Amino acid sequence: MKRGFTLVELMIVIAVLAILASIVLFALNPAKVLNRSRDGTRVTDIHALYKAILFIDSWSTITDYGSATTVYISLSDSSSACSSYSLPALAAGYGYALSLY
């Protein structure tokens, strides 16, 4: 007499394995794992930027980094507002300034 598995037994095993696989996938939640890896990359990038800013700050003798509402450009111009160039208009409250760096 040849012993083997019946179709019903194989179907039950496949069903149990599918249930176990879905439980494992639900427990791991691949979206959260992916988000955590992205967050780790972002933290690494921010840390690299922080180190670069510290390096520039220690290397540079510039103590005034300007204003957030001023666009600094490095062009030779006789006026401090760069009026000899046809630069695009800026929003209200913003302006151009000649950067001597």
N, C-alpha and C. Protein backbone atom coordinates (compact mmCIF):
# COMPACT_ATOMS: atom_id res chain seq x y z
N MET A 1 0.83 -1.18 0.00
CA MET A 1 0.00 0.00 0.00
C MET A 1 0.88 1.25 0.00
N LYS A 2 0.62 2.13 -0.91
CA LYS A 2 1.40 3.36 -1.06
C LYS A 2 0.81 4.44 -0.17
N ARG A 3 1.69 5.02 0.67
CA ARG A 3 1.22 6.10 1.55
C ARG A 3 1.61 7.43 0.96
N GLY A 4 0.73 8.36 0.99
CA GLY A 4 0.97 9.71 0.50
C GLY A 4 -0.01 10.66 1.15
N PHE A 5 0.11 11.89 0.79
CA PHE A 5 -0.79 12.90 1.33
C PHE A 5 -2.01 13.04 0.43
N THR A 6 -3.13 13.23 1.06
CA THR A 6 -4.34 13.46 0.28
C THR A 6 -4.42 14.94 -0.08
N LEU A 7 -5.29 15.24 -1.00
CA LEU A 7 -5.48 16.62 -1.44
C LEU A 7 -5.97 17.50 -0.29
N VAL A 8 -6.82 16.96 0.54
CA VAL A 8 -7.35 17.73 1.68
C VAL A 8 -6.22 18.08 2.65
N GLU A 9 -5.35 17.13 2.93
CA GLU A 9 -4.24 17.39 3.85
C GLU A 9 -3.31 18.48 3.28
N LEU A 10 -3.01 18.41 2.00
CA LEU A 10 -2.16 19.43 1.38
C LEU A 10 -2.82 20.80 1.42
N MET A 11 -4.11 20.86 1.18
CA MET A 11 -4.83 22.14 1.23
C MET A 11 -4.82 22.73 2.63
N ILE A 12 -4.97 21.88 3.65
CA ILE A 12 -4.94 22.35 5.04
C ILE A 12 -3.57 22.92 5.37
N VAL A 13 -2.50 22.23 4.95
CA VAL A 13 -1.14 22.72 5.21
C VAL A 13 -0.91 24.06 4.51
N ILE A 14 -1.34 24.19 3.28
CA ILE A 14 -1.18 25.45 2.54
C ILE A 14 -1.96 26.57 3.21
N ALA A 15 -3.16 26.28 3.68
CA ALA A 15 -3.97 27.28 4.36
C ALA A 15 -3.30 27.74 5.66
N VAL A 16 -2.78 26.79 6.42
CA VAL A 16 -2.09 27.14 7.67
C VAL A 16 -0.86 27.99 7.38
N LEU A 17 -0.08 27.64 6.37
CA LEU A 17 1.10 28.42 6.00
C LEU A 17 0.70 29.83 5.54
N ALA A 18 -0.39 29.96 4.82
CA ALA A 18 -0.85 31.28 4.37
C ALA A 18 -1.27 32.13 5.56
N ILE A 19 -1.94 31.52 6.52
CA ILE A 19 -2.34 32.26 7.73
C ILE A 19 -1.11 32.71 8.51
N LEU A 20 -0.15 31.84 8.68
CA LEU A 20 1.08 32.20 9.39
C LEU A 20 1.85 33.31 8.66
N ALA A 21 1.90 33.22 7.33
CA ALA A 21 2.59 34.26 6.56
C ALA A 21 1.89 35.60 6.69
N SER A 22 0.56 35.60 6.69
CA SER A 22 -0.15 36.88 6.84
C SER A 22 0.04 37.45 8.24
N ILE A 23 0.12 36.61 9.25
CA ILE A 23 0.38 37.09 10.62
C ILE A 23 1.76 37.71 10.70
N VAL A 24 2.75 37.07 10.11
CA VAL A 24 4.12 37.61 10.13
C VAL A 24 4.19 38.93 9.38
N LEU A 25 3.55 39.03 8.21
CA LEU A 25 3.55 40.28 7.46
C LEU A 25 2.84 41.38 8.22
N PHE A 26 1.75 41.05 8.88
CA PHE A 26 1.04 42.05 9.67
C PHE A 26 1.88 42.51 10.85
N ALA A 27 2.62 41.59 11.47
CA ALA A 27 3.45 41.94 12.63
C ALA A 27 4.63 42.82 12.21
N LEU A 28 5.23 42.52 11.06
CA LEU A 28 6.39 43.30 10.61
C LEU A 28 6.00 44.64 10.03
N ASN A 29 4.85 44.74 9.38
CA ASN A 29 4.35 45.95 8.74
C ASN A 29 5.44 46.60 7.88
N PRO A 30 5.62 46.13 6.66
CA PRO A 30 6.70 46.60 5.80
C PRO A 30 6.69 48.10 5.58
N ALA A 31 5.53 48.75 5.63
CA ALA A 31 5.48 50.21 5.44
C ALA A 31 6.20 50.91 6.59
N LYS A 32 6.00 50.43 7.81
CA LYS A 32 6.69 51.05 8.95
C LYS A 32 8.20 50.81 8.88
N VAL A 33 8.58 49.61 8.47
CA VAL A 33 10.01 49.30 8.34
C VAL A 33 10.64 50.20 7.29
N LEU A 34 9.95 50.41 6.18
CA LEU A 34 10.46 51.28 5.13
C LEU A 34 10.54 52.73 5.61
N ASN A 35 9.52 53.18 6.35
CA ASN A 35 9.55 54.54 6.89
C ASN A 35 10.70 54.74 7.87
N ARG A 36 10.96 53.73 8.70
CA ARG A 36 12.07 53.83 9.64
C ARG A 36 13.41 53.94 8.91
N SER A 37 13.56 53.19 7.82
CA SER A 37 14.82 53.27 7.07
C SER A 37 14.95 54.63 6.41
N ARG A 38 13.84 55.21 5.91
CA ARG A 38 13.89 56.56 5.34
C ARG A 38 14.23 57.58 6.41
N ASP A 39 13.66 57.42 7.60
CA ASP A 39 13.97 58.34 8.69
C ASP A 39 15.45 58.27 9.07
N GLY A 40 16.00 57.07 9.06
CA GLY A 40 17.42 56.92 9.36
C GLY A 40 18.28 57.62 8.32
N THR A 41 17.88 57.53 7.05
CA THR A 41 18.61 58.23 5.99
C THR A 41 18.51 59.73 6.17
N ARG A 42 17.33 60.21 6.53
CA ARG A 42 17.15 61.66 6.75
C ARG A 42 18.00 62.15 7.91
N VAL A 43 18.04 61.39 8.99
CA VAL A 43 18.86 61.78 10.14
C VAL A 43 20.33 61.83 9.75
N THR A 44 20.77 60.86 8.97
CA THR A 44 22.16 60.85 8.50
C THR A 44 22.45 62.06 7.63
N ASP A 45 21.52 62.41 6.72
CA ASP A 45 21.71 63.57 5.86
C ASP A 45 21.74 64.87 6.67
N ILE A 46 20.86 65.00 7.66
CA ILE A 46 20.86 66.20 8.50
C ILE A 46 22.15 66.30 9.29
N HIS A 47 22.64 65.17 9.78
CA HIS A 47 23.90 65.18 10.52
C HIS A 47 25.07 65.60 9.61
N ALA A 48 25.06 65.13 8.37
CA ALA A 48 26.11 65.54 7.42
C ALA A 48 26.04 67.03 7.14
N LEU A 49 24.83 67.57 6.98
CA LEU A 49 24.68 69.02 6.79
C LEU A 49 25.16 69.79 8.01
N TYR A 50 24.83 69.30 9.19
CA TYR A 50 25.27 69.94 10.43
C TYR A 50 26.80 69.99 10.50
N LYS A 51 27.44 68.88 10.15
CA LYS A 51 28.90 68.85 10.18
C LYS A 51 29.50 69.80 9.14
N ALA A 52 28.85 69.89 7.96
CA ALA A 52 29.34 70.81 6.93
C ALA A 52 29.20 72.25 7.38
N ILE A 53 28.08 72.58 8.01
CA ILE A 53 27.89 73.95 8.51
C ILE A 53 28.90 74.27 9.61
N LEU A 54 29.15 73.32 10.49
CA LEU A 54 30.16 73.55 11.52
C LEU A 54 31.54 73.77 10.91
N PHE A 55 31.86 73.01 9.87
CA PHE A 55 33.15 73.17 9.21
C PHE A 55 33.26 74.55 8.58
N ILE A 56 32.22 74.96 7.85
CA ILE A 56 32.23 76.27 7.21
C ILE A 56 32.31 77.37 8.26
N ASP A 57 31.57 77.20 9.34
CA ASP A 57 31.57 78.20 10.40
C ASP A 57 32.94 78.33 11.06
N SER A 58 33.64 77.22 11.23
CA SER A 58 34.96 77.28 11.85
C SER A 58 36.03 77.78 10.87
N TRP A 59 35.81 77.55 9.59
CA TRP A 59 36.79 77.93 8.59
C TRP A 59 36.62 79.38 8.15
N SER A 60 35.38 79.84 8.12
CA SER A 60 35.07 81.17 7.58
C SER A 60 35.25 82.24 8.64
N THR A 61 35.65 83.41 8.19
CA THR A 61 35.78 84.55 9.09
C THR A 61 34.56 85.45 9.02
N ILE A 62 33.56 85.04 8.25
CA ILE A 62 32.34 85.83 8.09
C ILE A 62 31.49 85.64 9.34
N THR A 63 31.08 86.72 9.94
CA THR A 63 30.22 86.61 11.11
C THR A 63 28.79 87.04 10.81
N ASP A 64 28.58 87.76 9.70
CA ASP A 64 27.25 88.20 9.33
C ASP A 64 26.82 87.43 8.09
N TYR A 65 25.84 86.57 8.22
CA TYR A 65 25.40 85.77 7.10
C TYR A 65 24.24 86.41 6.36
N GLY A 66 23.90 87.62 6.67
CA GLY A 66 22.90 88.34 5.92
C GLY A 66 21.50 88.19 6.46
N SER A 67 20.55 88.52 5.61
CA SER A 67 19.15 88.53 5.99
C SER A 67 18.40 87.51 5.16
N ALA A 68 17.32 86.97 5.72
CA ALA A 68 16.52 85.98 5.01
C ALA A 68 15.69 86.61 3.90
N THR A 69 15.54 87.93 3.92
CA THR A 69 14.72 88.60 2.90
C THR A 69 15.57 89.29 1.85
N THR A 70 16.85 89.00 1.82
CA THR A 70 17.74 89.61 0.84
C THR A 70 18.36 88.52 -0.01
N VAL A 71 18.36 88.73 -1.32
CA VAL A 71 19.00 87.81 -2.25
C VAL A 71 20.38 88.37 -2.55
N TYR A 72 21.41 87.65 -2.13
CA TYR A 72 22.78 88.10 -2.33
C TYR A 72 23.32 87.50 -3.63
N ILE A 73 23.92 88.34 -4.46
CA ILE A 73 24.49 87.87 -5.71
C ILE A 73 25.94 88.30 -5.80
N SER A 74 26.74 87.53 -6.49
CA SER A 74 28.16 87.82 -6.64
C SER A 74 28.42 88.31 -8.06
N LEU A 75 28.09 89.55 -8.32
CA LEU A 75 28.34 90.18 -9.60
C LEU A 75 29.02 91.52 -9.33
N SER A 76 29.88 91.88 -10.24
CA SER A 76 30.51 93.19 -10.03
C SER A 76 29.51 94.27 -10.44
N ASP A 77 29.20 95.15 -9.51
CA ASP A 77 28.23 96.20 -9.75
C ASP A 77 28.62 97.41 -8.92
N SER A 78 28.37 98.57 -9.47
CA SER A 78 28.73 99.78 -8.75
C SER A 78 27.71 100.13 -7.67
N SER A 79 26.46 99.71 -7.82
CA SER A 79 25.46 100.03 -6.80
C SER A 79 25.30 98.84 -5.86
N SER A 80 24.94 99.12 -4.65
CA SER A 80 24.80 98.04 -3.67
C SER A 80 23.53 97.23 -3.88
N ALA A 81 22.57 97.75 -4.65
CA ALA A 81 21.32 97.03 -4.89
C ALA A 81 21.31 96.34 -6.25
N CYS A 82 22.44 96.32 -6.95
CA CYS A 82 22.57 95.65 -8.25
C CYS A 82 21.58 96.18 -9.27
N SER A 83 21.43 97.47 -9.35
CA SER A 83 20.42 98.05 -10.23
C SER A 83 20.84 98.08 -11.69
N SER A 84 22.12 97.88 -11.99
CA SER A 84 22.55 97.92 -13.39
C SER A 84 22.22 96.64 -14.15
N TYR A 85 21.76 95.60 -13.46
CA TYR A 85 21.36 94.35 -14.09
C TYR A 85 19.84 94.30 -14.17
N SER A 86 19.34 93.67 -15.18
CA SER A 86 17.88 93.52 -15.29
C SER A 86 17.48 92.21 -14.62
N LEU A 87 17.51 92.22 -13.31
CA LEU A 87 17.17 91.04 -12.52
C LEU A 87 15.66 90.94 -12.37
N PRO A 88 15.13 89.75 -12.22
CA PRO A 88 13.68 89.61 -12.07
C PRO A 88 13.17 90.28 -10.80
N ALA A 89 11.95 90.73 -10.84
CA ALA A 89 11.35 91.38 -9.68
C ALA A 89 11.11 90.36 -8.57
N LEU A 90 11.32 90.81 -7.36
CA LEU A 90 11.11 89.95 -6.19
C LEU A 90 9.80 90.31 -5.51
N ALA A 91 9.33 89.42 -4.67
CA ALA A 91 8.10 89.67 -3.92
C ALA A 91 8.30 90.83 -2.96
N ALA A 92 7.22 91.38 -2.50
CA ALA A 92 7.27 92.52 -1.57
C ALA A 92 8.05 92.13 -0.31
N GLY A 93 8.91 93.01 0.11
CA GLY A 93 9.71 92.77 1.31
C GLY A 93 11.06 92.14 1.03
N TYR A 94 11.32 91.74 -0.20
CA TYR A 94 12.59 91.13 -0.56
C TYR A 94 13.37 92.08 -1.45
N GLY A 95 14.69 91.93 -1.46
CA GLY A 95 15.52 92.77 -2.29
C GLY A 95 16.84 92.11 -2.62
N TYR A 96 17.57 92.72 -3.54
CA TYR A 96 18.88 92.22 -3.93
C TYR A 96 19.97 92.98 -3.19
N ALA A 97 21.10 92.34 -3.02
CA ALA A 97 22.27 93.00 -2.44
C ALA A 97 23.51 92.40 -3.05
N LEU A 98 24.53 93.21 -3.17
CA LEU A 98 25.80 92.77 -3.73
C LEU A 98 26.57 92.02 -2.66
N SER A 99 27.01 90.83 -3.00
CA SER A 99 27.79 90.02 -2.07
C SER A 99 29.26 90.13 -2.45
N LEU A 100 30.07 90.50 -1.52
CA LEU A 100 31.51 90.69 -1.78
C LEU A 100 32.33 89.47 -1.43
N TYR A 101 31.72 88.33 -1.20
CA TYR A 101 32.45 87.14 -0.78
C TYR A 101 33.04 86.42 -1.95
